[in-house]
Amino acid sequence: MNQAYNNRARDPLDPGNTARAMTDAGVMREGWLQKQNPNGLGSYKAWKKRYFKLTDTALVYSKSERDAALQEVPLNRIKHVEKTGAPGRQGCFEVATNLFQGDGKPRVYVLQVILALAVLA
């Protein structure tokens, strides 16, 4: 995976969502994680498998390795990362940001390491 590709990242600091080029040269870690949907029905919040890349400037995720980015969170917008629990799930952590959702609350990503894949890596 050493080739460059163009993707459309949704950057909250760039409301025009301009296309940006991302190369693997800046990728520090990448792989599959489960991401909890913050907009679930009541207390039920679905989990979705997403491909994440931690670059030297952002945390980026997409539906697959080859898809365009769904979201890009600049590292300077991340307040903290900490281990957390989710009912019936192991290996969970949250990434709290100073980005805000439509309801005015800060965006917190709840992620889970996919243990079977982590052991094989």
PDB file of N, CA and C in Angstrom:
ATOM      1  N   MET A   1       0.811  -1.186   0.000  1.00  0.00           N
ATOM      2  CA  MET A   1       0.000   0.000   0.000  1.00  0.00           C
ATOM      3  C   MET A   1       0.860   1.256   0.000  1.00  0.00           C
ATOM      4  N   ASN A   2       1.722   1.378  -0.969  1.00  0.00           N
ATOM      5  CA  ASN A   2       2.626   2.518  -1.012  1.00  0.00           C
ATOM      6  C   ASN A   2       2.280   3.519  -2.099  1.00  0.00           C
ATOM      7  N   GLN A   3       1.086   3.449  -2.629  1.00  0.00           N
ATOM      8  CA  GLN A   3       0.735   4.400  -3.668  1.00  0.00           C
ATOM      9  C   GLN A   3      -0.139   5.515  -3.090  1.00  0.00           C
ATOM     10  N   ALA A   4      -0.027   6.679  -3.685  1.00  0.00           N
ATOM     11  CA  ALA A   4      -0.816   7.827  -3.241  1.00  0.00           C
ATOM     12  C   ALA A   4      -2.192   7.747  -3.872  1.00  0.00           C
ATOM     13  N   TYR A   5      -3.165   8.329  -3.189  1.00  0.00           N
ATOM     14  CA  TYR A   5      -4.484   8.404  -3.775  1.00  0.00           C
ATOM     15  C   TYR A   5      -5.159   9.682  -3.301  1.00  0.00           C
ATOM     16  N   ASN A   6      -6.146  10.108  -4.056  1.00  0.00           N
ATOM     17  CA  ASN A   6      -6.924  11.289  -3.674  1.00  0.00           C
ATOM     18  C   ASN A   6      -8.181  10.827  -2.964  1.00  0.00           C
ATOM     19  N   ASN A   7      -8.569  11.558  -1.937  1.00  0.00           N
ATOM     20  CA  ASN A   7      -9.828  11.255  -1.275  1.00  0.00           C
ATOM     21  C   ASN A   7     -10.521  12.550  -0.910  1.00  0.00           C
ATOM     22  N   ARG A   8     -11.800  12.446  -0.641  1.00  0.00           N
ATOM     23  CA  ARG A   8     -12.577  13.606  -0.193  1.00  0.00           C
ATOM     24  C   ARG A   8     -12.804  13.436   1.285  1.00  0.00           C
ATOM     25  N   ALA A   9     -12.108  14.214   2.076  1.00  0.00           N
ATOM     26  CA  ALA A   9     -12.233  14.127   3.524  1.00  0.00           C
ATOM     27  C   ALA A   9     -13.172  15.207   4.023  1.00  0.00           C
ATOM     28  N   ARG A  10     -14.025  14.849   4.958  1.00  0.00           N
ATOM     29  CA  ARG A  10     -14.901  15.837   5.578  1.00  0.00           C
ATOM     30  C   ARG A  10     -14.154  16.458   6.738  1.00  0.00           C
ATOM     31  N   ASP A  11     -13.616  17.613   6.540  1.00  0.00           N
ATOM     32  CA  ASP A  11     -12.838  18.313   7.559  1.00  0.00           C
ATOM     33  C   ASP A  11     -13.683  19.446   8.102  1.00  0.00           C
ATOM     34  N   PRO A  12     -13.988  19.429   9.409  1.00  0.00           N
ATOM     35  CA  PRO A  12     -14.840  20.478   9.948  1.00  0.00           C
ATOM     36  C   PRO A  12     -14.231  21.869   9.826  1.00  0.00           C
ATOM     37  N   LEU A  13     -12.926  21.948   9.664  1.00  0.00           N
ATOM     38  CA  LEU A  13     -12.281  23.238   9.493  1.00  0.00           C
ATOM     39  C   LEU A  13     -12.290  23.679   8.038  1.00  0.00           C
ATOM     40  N   ASP A  14     -12.749  22.792   7.159  1.00  0.00           N
ATOM     41  CA  ASP A  14     -12.788  23.070   5.731  1.00  0.00           C
ATOM     42  C   ASP A  14     -14.196  22.789   5.225  1.00  0.00           C
ATOM     43  N   PRO A  15     -15.142  23.698   5.439  1.00  0.00           N
ATOM     44  CA  PRO A  15     -16.535  23.430   5.090  1.00  0.00           C
ATOM     45  C   PRO A  15     -16.767  23.147   3.618  1.00  0.00           C
ATOM     46  N   GLY A  16     -15.846  23.531   2.757  1.00  0.00           N
ATOM     47  CA  GLY A  16     -15.999  23.246   1.340  1.00  0.00           C
ATOM     48  C   GLY A  16     -15.648  21.825   0.987  1.00  0.00           C
ATOM     49  N   ASN A  17     -15.124  21.061   1.957  1.00  0.00           N
ATOM     50  CA  ASN A  17     -14.732  19.669   1.735  1.00  0.00           C
ATOM     51  C   ASN A  17     -13.874  19.512   0.478  1.00  0.00           C
ATOM     52  N   THR A  18     -12.835  20.301   0.385  1.00  0.00           N
ATOM     53  CA  THR A  18     -11.980  20.230  -0.786  1.00  0.00           C
ATOM     54  C   THR A  18     -11.255  18.892  -0.839  1.00  0.00           C
ATOM     55  N   ALA A  19     -11.007  18.439  -2.047  1.00  0.00           N
ATOM     56  CA  ALA A  19     -10.285  17.178  -2.211  1.00  0.00           C
ATOM     57  C   ALA A  19      -8.848  17.366  -1.746  1.00  0.00           C
ATOM     58  N   ARG A  20      -8.337  16.373  -1.068  1.00  0.00           N
ATOM     59  CA  ARG A  20      -6.953  16.450  -0.590  1.00  0.00           C
ATOM     60  C   ARG A  20      -6.235  15.146  -0.938  1.00  0.00           C
ATOM     61  N   ALA A  21      -4.978  15.259  -1.179  1.00  0.00           N
ATOM     62  CA  ALA A  21      -4.175  14.079  -1.475  1.00  0.00           C
ATOM     63  C   ALA A  21      -3.581  13.555  -0.179  1.00  0.00           C
ATOM     64  N   MET A  22      -3.625  12.241  -0.013  1.00  0.00           N
ATOM     65  CA  MET A  22      -3.077  11.631   1.194  1.00  0.00           C
ATOM     66  C   MET A  22      -2.149  10.520   0.756  1.00  0.00           C
ATOM     67  N   THR A  23      -0.941  10.530   1.250  1.00  0.00           N
ATOM     68  CA  THR A  23       0.002   9.486   0.895  1.00  0.00           C
ATOM     69  C   THR A  23       0.271   8.624   2.111  1.00  0.00           C
ATOM     70  N   ASP A  24       0.741   7.417   1.875  1.00  0.00           N
ATOM     71  CA  ASP A  24       1.050   6.517   2.966  1.00  0.00           C
ATOM     72  C   ASP A  24       2.326   6.909   3.701  1.00  0.00           C
ATOM     73  N   ALA A  25       3.063   7.871   3.178  1.00  0.00           N
ATOM     74  CA  ALA A  25       4.303   8.285   3.832  1.00  0.00           C
ATOM     75  C   ALA A  25       4.038   8.808   5.236  1.00  0.00           C
ATOM     76  N   GLY A  26       2.889   9.473   5.478  1.00  0.00           N
ATOM     77  CA  GLY A  26       2.585  10.029   6.786  1.00  0.00           C
ATOM     78  C   GLY A  26       1.789   9.094   7.685  1.00  0.00           C
ATOM     79  N   VAL A  27       1.505   7.863   7.239  1.00  0.00           N
ATOM     80  CA  VAL A  27       0.699   6.923   8.025  1.00  0.00           C
ATOM     81  C   VAL A  27       1.566   6.239   9.068  1.00  0.00           C
ATOM     82  N   MET A  28       1.162   6.400  10.354  1.00  0.00           N
ATOM     83  CA  MET A  28       1.897   5.766  11.448  1.00  0.00           C
ATOM     84  C   MET A  28       1.304   4.406  11.797  1.00  0.00           C
ATOM     85  N   ARG A  29      -0.020   4.301  11.786  1.00  0.00           N
ATOM     86  CA  ARG A  29      -0.728   3.055  12.064  1.00  0.00           C
ATOM     87  C   ARG A  29      -1.977   3.037  11.202  1.00  0.00           C
ATOM     88  N   GLU A  30      -2.415   1.829  10.834  1.00  0.00           N
ATOM     89  CA  GLU A  30      -3.656   1.694  10.103  1.00  0.00           C
ATOM     90  C   GLU A  30      -4.215   0.313  10.334  1.00  0.00           C
ATOM     91  N   GLY A  31      -5.540   0.209  10.199  1.00  0.00           N
ATOM     92  CA  GLY A  31      -6.189  -1.086  10.368  1.00  0.00           C
ATOM     93  C   GLY A  31      -7.664  -0.930  10.686  1.00  0.00           C
ATOM     94  N   TRP A  32      -8.306  -2.073  10.898  1.00  0.00           N
ATOM     95  CA  TRP A  32      -9.747  -2.118  11.109  1.00  0.00           C
ATOM     96  C   TRP A  32     -10.096  -1.925  12.578  1.00  0.00           C
ATOM     97  N   LEU A  33     -11.107  -1.104  12.828  1.00  0.00           N
ATOM     98  CA  LEU A  33     -11.683  -0.899  14.155  1.00  0.00           C
ATOM     99  C   LEU A  33     -13.201  -0.905  14.012  1.00  0.00           C
ATOM    100  N   GLN A  34     -13.888  -1.192  15.112  1.00  0.00           N
ATOM    101  CA  GLN A  34     -15.330  -1.010  15.167  1.00  0.00           C
ATOM    102  C   GLN A  34     -15.576   0.394  15.693  1.00  0.00           C
ATOM    103  N   LYS A  35     -16.524   1.103  15.113  1.00  0.00           N
ATOM    104  CA  LYS A  35     -16.872   2.460  15.552  1.00  0.00           C
ATOM    105  C   LYS A  35     -18.337   2.471  15.938  1.00  0.00           C
ATOM    106  N   GLN A  36     -18.602   3.005  17.135  1.00  0.00           N
ATOM    107  CA  GLN A  36     -19.987   3.085  17.588  1.00  0.00           C
ATOM    108  C   GLN A  36     -20.669   4.291  16.965  1.00  0.00           C
ATOM    109  N   ASN A  37     -21.871   4.072  16.457  1.00  0.00           N
ATOM    110  CA  ASN A  37     -22.656   5.160  15.879  1.00  0.00           C
ATOM    111  C   ASN A  37     -23.218   6.003  17.023  1.00  0.00           C
ATOM    112  N   PRO A  38     -22.895   7.303  17.082  1.00  0.00           N
ATOM    113  CA  PRO A  38     -23.386   8.132  18.183  1.00  0.00           C
ATOM    114  C   PRO A  38     -24.873   8.457  18.080  1.00  0.00           C
ATOM    115  N   ASN A  39     -25.489   8.188  16.950  1.00  0.00           N
ATOM    116  CA  ASN A  39     -26.885   8.554  16.725  1.00  0.00           C
ATOM    117  C   ASN A  39     -27.808   7.346  16.739  1.00  0.00           C
ATOM    118  N   GLY A  40     -27.607   6.459  17.702  1.00  0.00           N
ATOM    119  CA  GLY A  40     -28.446   5.269  17.769  1.00  0.00           C
ATOM    120  C   GLY A  40     -29.848   5.581  18.252  1.00  0.00           C
ATOM    121  N   LEU A  41     -30.705   4.585  18.189  1.00  0.00           N
ATOM    122  CA  LEU A  41     -32.080   4.727  18.668  1.00  0.00           C
ATOM    123  C   LEU A  41     -32.115   4.436  20.162  1.00  0.00           C
ATOM    124  N   GLY A  42     -32.445   5.430  20.958  1.00  0.00           N
ATOM    125  CA  GLY A  42     -32.482   5.248  22.407  1.00  0.00           C
ATOM    126  C   GLY A  42     -31.103   4.884  22.935  1.00  0.00           C
ATOM    127  N   SER A  43     -31.040   3.797  23.677  1.00  0.00           N
ATOM    128  CA  SER A  43     -29.749   3.374  24.220  1.00  0.00           C
ATOM    129  C   SER A  43     -29.005   2.448  23.259  1.00  0.00           C
ATOM    130  N   TYR A  44     -29.665   2.006  22.170  1.00  0.00           N
ATOM    131  CA  TYR A  44     -29.009   1.126  21.206  1.00  0.00           C
ATOM    132  C   TYR A  44     -28.200   1.952  20.218  1.00  0.00           C
ATOM    133  N   LYS A  45     -26.916   1.664  20.163  1.00  0.00           N
ATOM    134  CA  LYS A  45     -26.034   2.370  19.233  1.00  0.00           C
ATOM    135  C   LYS A  45     -25.272   1.322  18.435  1.00  0.00           C
ATOM    136  N   ALA A  46     -25.542   1.244  17.155  1.00  0.00           N
ATOM    137  CA  ALA A  46     -24.944   0.225  16.290  1.00  0.00           C
ATOM    138  C   ALA A  46     -23.437   0.423  16.174  1.00  0.00           C
ATOM    139  N   TRP A  47     -22.747  -0.666  15.927  1.00  0.00           N
ATOM    140  CA  TRP A  47     -21.299  -0.640  15.705  1.00  0.00           C
ATOM    141  C   TRP A  47     -21.047  -0.934  14.235  1.00  0.00           C
ATOM    142  N   LYS A  48     -20.115  -0.189  13.642  1.00  0.00           N
ATOM    143  CA  LYS A  48     -19.765  -0.387  12.235  1.00  0.00           C
ATOM    144  C   LYS A  48     -18.264  -0.596  12.118  1.00  0.00           C
ATOM    145  N   LYS A  49     -17.896  -1.506  11.243  1.00  0.00           N
ATOM    146  CA  LYS A  49     -16.485  -1.772  10.974  1.00  0.00           C
ATOM    147  C   LYS A  49     -15.975  -0.702  10.020  1.00  0.00           C
ATOM    148  N   ARG A  50     -14.871  -0.047  10.381  1.00  0.00           N
ATOM    149  CA  ARG A  50     -14.289   1.020   9.564  1.00  0.00           C
ATOM    150  C   ARG A  50     -12.777   0.856   9.497  1.00  0.00           C
ATOM    151  N   TYR A  51     -12.194   1.329   8.398  1.00  0.00           N
ATOM    152  CA  TYR A  51     -10.745   1.282   8.218  1.00  0.00           C
ATOM    153  C   TYR A  51     -10.162   2.613   8.670  1.00  0.00           C
ATOM    154  N   PHE A  52      -9.279   2.574   9.670  1.00  0.00           N
ATOM    155  CA  PHE A  52      -8.692   3.789  10.245  1.00  0.00           C
ATOM    156  C   PHE A  52      -7.236   3.929   9.857  1.00  0.00           C
ATOM    157  N   LYS A  53      -6.821   5.178   9.702  1.00  0.00           N
ATOM    158  CA  LYS A  53      -5.415   5.513   9.505  1.00  0.00           C
ATOM    159  C   LYS A  53      -5.066   6.627  10.480  1.00  0.00           C
ATOM    160  N   LEU A  54      -3.989   6.431  11.203  1.00  0.00           N
ATOM    161  CA  LEU A  54      -3.445   7.480  12.057  1.00  0.00           C
ATOM    162  C   LEU A  54      -2.246   8.038  11.314  1.00  0.00           C
ATOM    163  N   THR A  55      -2.376   9.280  10.865  1.00  0.00           N
ATOM    164  CA  THR A  55      -1.275   9.919  10.147  1.00  0.00           C
ATOM    165  C   THR A  55      -0.559  10.866  11.104  1.00  0.00           C
ATOM    166  N   ASP A  56       0.458  11.534  10.619  1.00  0.00           N
ATOM    167  CA  ASP A  56       1.173  12.480  11.472  1.00  0.00           C
ATOM    168  C   ASP A  56       0.361  13.749  11.706  1.00  0.00           C
ATOM    169  N   THR A  57      -0.801  13.895  11.037  1.00  0.00           N
ATOM    170  CA  THR A  57      -1.624  15.099  11.225  1.00  0.00           C
ATOM    171  C   THR A  57      -3.085  14.827  11.574  1.00  0.00           C
ATOM    172  N   ALA A  58      -3.579  13.597  11.357  1.00  0.00           N
ATOM    173  CA  ALA A  58      -5.015  13.352  11.541  1.00  0.00           C
ATOM    174  C   ALA A  58      -5.328  11.885  11.796  1.00  0.00           C
ATOM    175  N   LEU A  59      -6.519  11.657  12.344  1.00  0.00           N
ATOM    176  CA  LEU A  59      -7.119  10.336  12.443  1.00  0.00           C
ATOM    177  C   LEU A  59      -8.188  10.296  11.362  1.00  0.00           C
ATOM    178  N   VAL A  60      -8.064   9.367  10.430  1.00  0.00           N
ATOM    179  CA  VAL A  60      -8.924   9.315   9.243  1.00  0.00           C
ATOM    180  C   VAL A  60      -9.591   7.945   9.186  1.00  0.00           C
ATOM    181  N   TYR A  61     -10.890   7.914   8.854  1.00  0.00           N
ATOM    182  CA  TYR A  61     -11.513   6.608   8.655  1.00  0.00           C
ATOM    183  C   TYR A  61     -12.390   6.594   7.414  1.00  0.00           C
ATOM    184  N   SER A  62     -12.544   5.379   6.879  1.00  0.00           N
ATOM    185  CA  SER A  62     -13.334   5.156   5.673  1.00  0.00           C
ATOM    186  C   SER A  62     -13.997   3.787   5.774  1.00  0.00           C
ATOM    187  N   LYS A  63     -14.821   3.450   4.788  1.00  0.00           N
ATOM    188  CA  LYS A  63     -15.497   2.145   4.797  1.00  0.00           C
ATOM    189  C   LYS A  63     -14.547   1.003   4.491  1.00  0.00           C
ATOM    190  N   SER A  64     -13.509   1.268   3.700  1.00  0.00           N
ATOM    191  CA  SER A  64     -12.513   0.242   3.384  1.00  0.00           C
ATOM    192  C   SER A  64     -11.180   0.919   3.091  1.00  0.00           C
ATOM    193  N   GLU A  65     -10.167   0.113   2.869  1.00  0.00           N
ATOM    194  CA  GLU A  65      -8.835   0.652   2.580  1.00  0.00           C
ATOM    195  C   GLU A  65      -8.831   1.550   1.356  1.00  0.00           C
ATOM    196  N   ARG A  66      -9.676   1.245   0.390  1.00  0.00           N
ATOM    197  CA  ARG A  66      -9.639   1.955  -0.898  1.00  0.00           C
ATOM    198  C   ARG A  66     -10.679   3.060  -1.027  1.00  0.00           C
ATOM    199  N   ASP A  67     -11.631   3.108  -0.106  1.00  0.00           N
ATOM    200  CA  ASP A  67     -12.693   4.124  -0.198  1.00  0.00           C
ATOM    201  C   ASP A  67     -12.201   5.491   0.239  1.00  0.00           C
ATOM    202  N   ALA A  68     -12.920   6.502  -0.217  1.00  0.00           N
ATOM    203  CA  ALA A  68     -12.640   7.877   0.207  1.00  0.00           C
ATOM    204  C   ALA A  68     -12.923   8.009   1.701  1.00  0.00           C
ATOM    205  N   ALA A  69     -12.235   8.919   2.334  1.00  0.00           N
ATOM    206  CA  ALA A  69     -12.402   9.138   3.769  1.00  0.00           C
ATOM    207  C   ALA A  69     -13.825   9.602   4.081  1.00  0.00           C
ATOM    208  N   LEU A  70     -14.392   9.038   5.143  1.00  0.00           N
ATOM    209  CA  LEU A  70     -15.690   9.487   5.637  1.00  0.00           C
ATOM    210  C   LEU A  70     -15.510  10.654   6.592  1.00  0.00           C
ATOM    211  N   GLN A  71     -14.410  10.616   7.338  1.00  0.00           N
ATOM    212  CA  GLN A  71     -14.144  11.662   8.318  1.00  0.00           C
ATOM    213  C   GLN A  71     -12.648  11.779   8.545  1.00  0.00           C
ATOM    214  N   GLU A  72     -12.205  12.994   8.768  1.00  0.00           N
ATOM    215  CA  GLU A  72     -10.808  13.271   9.098  1.00  0.00           C
ATOM    216  C   GLU A  72     -10.815  14.175  10.320  1.00  0.00           C
ATOM    217  N   VAL A  73     -10.171  13.715  11.397  1.00  0.00           N
ATOM    218  CA  VAL A  73     -10.107  14.493  12.635  1.00  0.00           C
ATOM    219  C   VAL A  73      -8.664  14.953  12.810  1.00  0.00           C
ATOM    220  N   PRO A  74      -8.398  16.240  12.681  1.00  0.00           N
ATOM    221  CA  PRO A  74      -7.032  16.729  12.884  1.00  0.00           C
ATOM    222  C   PRO A  74      -6.555  16.400  14.304  1.00  0.00           C
ATOM    223  N   LEU A  75      -5.322  15.971  14.442  1.00  0.00           N
ATOM    224  CA  LEU A  75      -4.801  15.596  15.756  1.00  0.00           C
ATOM    225  C   LEU A  75      -4.854  16.749  16.749  1.00  0.00           C
ATOM    226  N   ASN A  76      -4.713  17.972  16.266  1.00  0.00           N
ATOM    227  CA  ASN A  76      -4.756  19.103  17.192  1.00  0.00           C
ATOM    228  C   ASN A  76      -6.169  19.383  17.700  1.00  0.00           C
ATOM    229  N   ARG A  77      -7.179  18.648  17.212  1.00  0.00           N
ATOM    230  CA  ARG A  77      -8.560  18.785  17.698  1.00  0.00           C
ATOM    231  C   ARG A  77      -8.945  17.661  18.666  1.00  0.00           C
ATOM    232  N   ILE A  78      -7.997  16.730  18.949  1.00  0.00           N
ATOM    233  CA  ILE A  78      -8.254  15.633  19.882  1.00  0.00           C
ATOM    234  C   ILE A  78      -7.835  16.069  21.281  1.00  0.00           C
ATOM    235  N   LYS A  79      -8.794  16.004  22.238  1.00  0.00           N
ATOM    236  CA  LYS A  79      -8.519  16.407  23.620  1.00  0.00           C
ATOM    237  C   LYS A  79      -7.862  15.284  24.409  1.00  0.00           C
ATOM    238  N   HIS A  80      -8.408  14.073  24.314  1.00  0.00           N
ATOM    239  CA  HIS A  80      -7.816  12.937  25.021  1.00  0.00           C
ATOM    240  C   HIS A  80      -8.297  11.625  24.418  1.00  0.00           C
ATOM    241  N   VAL A  81      -7.513  10.584  24.716  1.00  0.00           N
ATOM    242  CA  VAL A  81      -7.853   9.219  24.328  1.00  0.00           C
ATOM    243  C   VAL A  81      -7.745   8.395  25.593  1.00  0.00           C
ATOM    244  N   GLU A  82      -8.792   7.629  25.896  1.00  0.00           N
ATOM    245  CA  GLU A  82      -8.726   6.805  27.098  1.00  0.00           C
ATOM    246  C   GLU A  82      -9.502   5.514  26.927  1.00  0.00           C
ATOM    247  N   LYS A  83      -9.032   4.511  27.656  1.00  0.00           N
ATOM    248  CA  LYS A  83      -9.695   3.207  27.652  1.00  0.00           C
ATOM    249  C   LYS A  83     -11.066   3.368  28.292  1.00  0.00           C
ATOM    250  N   THR A  84     -12.060   2.704  27.723  1.00  0.00           N
ATOM    251  CA  THR A  84     -13.420   2.805  28.236  1.00  0.00           C
ATOM    252  C   THR A  84     -14.080   1.437  28.143  1.00  0.00           C
ATOM    253  N   GLY A  85     -15.195   1.295  28.779  1.00  0.00           N
ATOM    254  CA  GLY A  85     -15.940   0.048  28.709  1.00  0.00           C
ATOM    255  C   GLY A  85     -17.205   0.225  27.909  1.00  0.00           C
ATOM    256  N   ALA A  86     -17.603  -0.813  27.257  1.00  0.00           N
ATOM    257  CA  ALA A  86     -18.888  -0.856  26.567  1.00  0.00           C
ATOM    258  C   ALA A  86     -19.487  -2.215  26.917  1.00  0.00           C
ATOM    259  N   PRO A  87     -20.771  -2.267  27.246  1.00  0.00           N
ATOM    260  CA  PRO A  87     -21.386  -3.530  27.667  1.00  0.00           C
ATOM    261  C   PRO A  87     -21.121  -4.668  26.689  1.00  0.00           C
ATOM    262  N   GLY A  88     -20.543  -5.739  27.199  1.00  0.00           N
ATOM    263  CA  GLY A  88     -20.282  -6.929  26.384  1.00  0.00           C
ATOM    264  C   GLY A  88     -19.148  -6.797  25.396  1.00  0.00           C
ATOM    265  N   ARG A  89     -18.327  -5.757  25.495  1.00  0.00           N
ATOM    266  CA  ARG A  89     -17.240  -5.549  24.533  1.00  0.00           C
ATOM    267  C   ARG A  89     -15.922  -5.308  25.257  1.00  0.00           C
ATOM    268  N   GLN A  90     -14.851  -5.863  24.704  1.00  0.00           N
ATOM    269  CA  GLN A  90     -13.508  -5.645  25.242  1.00  0.00           C
ATOM    270  C   GLN A  90     -12.709  -4.820  24.248  1.00  0.00           C
ATOM    271  N   GLY A  91     -11.636  -4.201  24.731  1.00  0.00           N
ATOM    272  CA  GLY A  91     -10.747  -3.466  23.844  1.00  0.00           C
ATOM    273  C   GLY A  91     -11.320  -2.160  23.344  1.00  0.00           C
ATOM    274  N   CYS A  92     -12.171  -1.505  24.132  1.00  0.00           N
ATOM    275  CA  CYS A  92     -12.787  -0.247  23.708  1.00  0.00           C
ATOM    276  C   CYS A  92     -12.012   0.953  24.249  1.00  0.00           C
ATOM    277  N   PHE A  93     -12.027   2.016  23.481  1.00  0.00           N
ATOM    278  CA  PHE A  93     -11.444   3.278  23.918  1.00  0.00           C
ATOM    279  C   PHE A  93     -12.210   4.419  23.268  1.00  0.00           C
ATOM    280  N   GLU A  94     -12.103   5.600  23.872  1.00  0.00           N
ATOM    281  CA  GLU A  94     -12.793   6.755  23.308  1.00  0.00           C
ATOM    282  C   GLU A  94     -11.786   7.822  22.928  1.00  0.00           C
ATOM    283  N   VAL A  95     -12.130   8.508  21.854  1.00  0.00           N
ATOM    284  CA  VAL A  95     -11.333   9.630  21.365  1.00  0.00           C
ATOM    285  C   VAL A  95     -12.229  10.856  21.488  1.00  0.00           C
ATOM    286  N   ALA A  96     -11.912  11.705  22.474  1.00  0.00           N
ATOM    287  CA  ALA A  96     -12.705  12.915  22.703  1.00  0.00           C
ATOM    288  C   ALA A  96     -12.081  14.067  21.926  1.00  0.00           C
ATOM    289  N   THR A  97     -12.925  14.832  21.263  1.00  0.00           N
ATOM    290  CA  THR A  97     -12.439  15.940  20.436  1.00  0.00           C
ATOM    291  C   THR A  97     -13.043  17.259  20.915  1.00  0.00           C
ATOM    292  N   ASN A  98     -12.508  18.339  20.402  1.00  0.00           N
ATOM    293  CA  ASN A  98     -13.136  19.636  20.636  1.00  0.00           C
ATOM    294  C   ASN A  98     -13.892  20.075  19.384  1.00  0.00           C
ATOM    295  N   LEU A  99     -14.379  19.099  18.616  1.00  0.00           N
ATOM    296  CA  LEU A  99     -15.277  19.327  17.486  1.00  0.00           C
ATOM    297  C   LEU A  99     -16.696  19.166  18.010  1.00  0.00           C
ATOM    298  N   PHE A 100     -17.634  19.899  17.469  1.00  0.00           N
ATOM    299  CA  PHE A 100     -18.987  19.851  18.003  1.00  0.00           C
ATOM    300  C   PHE A 100     -19.971  19.300  16.993  1.00  0.00           C
ATOM    301  N   GLN A 101     -20.939  18.537  17.509  1.00  0.00           N
ATOM    302  CA  GLN A 101     -22.009  17.983  16.700  1.00  0.00           C
ATOM    303  C   GLN A 101     -23.110  19.026  16.542  1.00  0.00           C
ATOM    304  N   GLY A 102     -24.127  18.709  15.796  1.00  0.00           N
ATOM    305  CA  GLY A 102     -25.232  19.622  15.572  1.00  0.00           C
ATOM    306  C   GLY A 102     -25.966  20.024  16.845  1.00  0.00           C
ATOM    307  N   ASP A 103     -25.939  19.151  17.860  1.00  0.00           N
ATOM    308  CA  ASP A 103     -26.639  19.456  19.112  1.00  0.00           C
ATOM    309  C   ASP A 103     -25.783  20.267  20.085  1.00  0.00           C
ATOM    310  N   GLY A 104     -24.584  20.660  19.653  1.00  0.00           N
ATOM    311  CA  GLY A 104     -23.715  21.480  20.492  1.00  0.00           C
ATOM    312  C   GLY A 104     -22.827  20.698  21.438  1.00  0.00           C
ATOM    313  N   LYS A 105     -22.941  19.372  21.444  1.00  0.00           N
ATOM    314  CA  LYS A 105     -22.110  18.540  22.322  1.00  0.00           C
ATOM    315  C   LYS A 105     -20.808  18.190  21.606  1.00  0.00           C
ATOM    316  N   PRO A 106     -19.705  18.069  22.374  1.00  0.00           N
ATOM    317  CA  PRO A 106     -18.432  17.673  21.752  1.00  0.00           C
ATOM    318  C   PRO A 106     -18.539  16.258  21.171  1.00  0.00           C
ATOM    319  N   ARG A 107     -17.871  16.021  20.073  1.00  0.00           N
ATOM    320  CA  ARG A 107     -17.888  14.711  19.411  1.00  0.00           C
ATOM    321  C   ARG A 107     -16.910  13.789  20.115  1.00  0.00           C
ATOM    322  N   VAL A 108     -17.396  12.630  20.547  1.00  0.00           N
ATOM    323  CA  VAL A 108     -16.571  11.602  21.166  1.00  0.00           C
ATOM    324  C   VAL A 108     -16.738  10.335  20.340  1.00  0.00           C
ATOM    325  N   TYR A 109     -15.640   9.812  19.833  1.00  0.00           N
ATOM    326  CA  TYR A 109     -15.655   8.568  19.062  1.00  0.00           C
ATOM    327  C   TYR A 109     -15.394   7.413  20.023  1.00  0.00           C
ATOM    328  N   VAL A 110     -16.283   6.413  20.033  1.00  0.00           N
ATOM    329  CA  VAL A 110     -16.063   5.202  20.812  1.00  0.00           C
ATOM    330  C   VAL A 110     -15.653   4.128  19.814  1.00  0.00           C
ATOM    331  N   LEU A 111     -14.453   3.586  20.026  1.00  0.00           N
ATOM    332  CA  LEU A 111     -13.862   2.627  19.085  1.00  0.00           C
ATOM    333  C   LEU A 111     -13.526   1.329  19.797  1.00  0.00           C
ATOM    334  N   GLN A 112     -13.478   0.252  19.035  1.00  0.00           N
ATOM    335  CA  GLN A 112     -13.110  -1.046  19.583  1.00  0.00           C
ATOM    336  C   GLN A 112     -12.102  -1.712  18.670  1.00  0.00           C
ATOM    337  N   VAL A 113     -11.048  -2.213  19.290  1.00  0.00           N
ATOM    338  CA  VAL A 113     -10.058  -2.986  18.555  1.00  0.00           C
ATOM    339  C   VAL A 113     -10.716  -4.304  18.171  1.00  0.00           C
ATOM    340  N   ILE A 114     -10.523  -4.715  16.935  1.00  0.00           N
ATOM    341  CA  ILE A 114     -11.034  -6.015  16.506  1.00  0.00           C
ATOM    342  C   ILE A 114      -9.970  -7.035  16.908  1.00  0.00           C
ATOM    343  N   LEU A 115     -10.234  -7.713  18.027  1.00  0.00           N
ATOM    344  CA  LEU A 115      -9.216  -8.535  18.677  1.00  0.00           C
ATOM    345  C   LEU A 115      -8.674  -9.641  17.787  1.00  0.00           C
ATOM    346  N   ALA A 116      -9.527 -10.303  17.028  1.00  0.00           N
ATOM    347  CA  ALA A 116      -9.050 -11.389  16.173  1.00  0.00           C
ATOM    348  C   ALA A 116      -8.022 -10.880  15.159  1.00  0.00           C
ATOM    349  N   LEU A 117      -8.263  -9.709  14.594  1.00  0.00           N
ATOM    350  CA  LEU A 117      -7.320  -9.150  13.632  1.00  0.00           C
ATOM    351  C   LEU A 117      -6.060  -8.633  14.317  1.00  0.00           C
ATOM    352  N   ALA A 118      -6.211  -8.077  15.531  1.00  0.00           N
ATOM    353  CA  ALA A 118      -5.054  -7.543  16.249  1.00  0.00           C
ATOM    354  C   ALA A 118      -4.088  -8.654  16.616  1.00  0.00           C
ATOM    355  N   VAL A 119      -4.606  -9.830  16.950  1.00  0.00           N
ATOM    356  CA  VAL A 119      -3.744 -10.957  17.318  1.00  0.00           C
ATOM    357  C   VAL A 119      -2.960 -11.451  16.109  1.00  0.00           C
ATOM    358  N   LEU A 120      -3.576 -11.429  14.933  1.00  0.00           N
ATOM    359  CA  LEU A 120      -2.925 -11.917  13.723  1.00  0.00           C
ATOM    360  C   LEU A 120      -1.880 -10.942  13.181  1.00  0.00           C
ATOM    361  N   ALA A 121      -1.996  -9.667  13.504  1.00  0.00           N
ATOM    362  CA  ALA A 121      -1.105  -8.657  12.953  1.00  0.00           C
ATOM    363  C   ALA A 121       0.293  -8.726  13.535  1.00  0.00           C
TER     364      ALA A 121
END
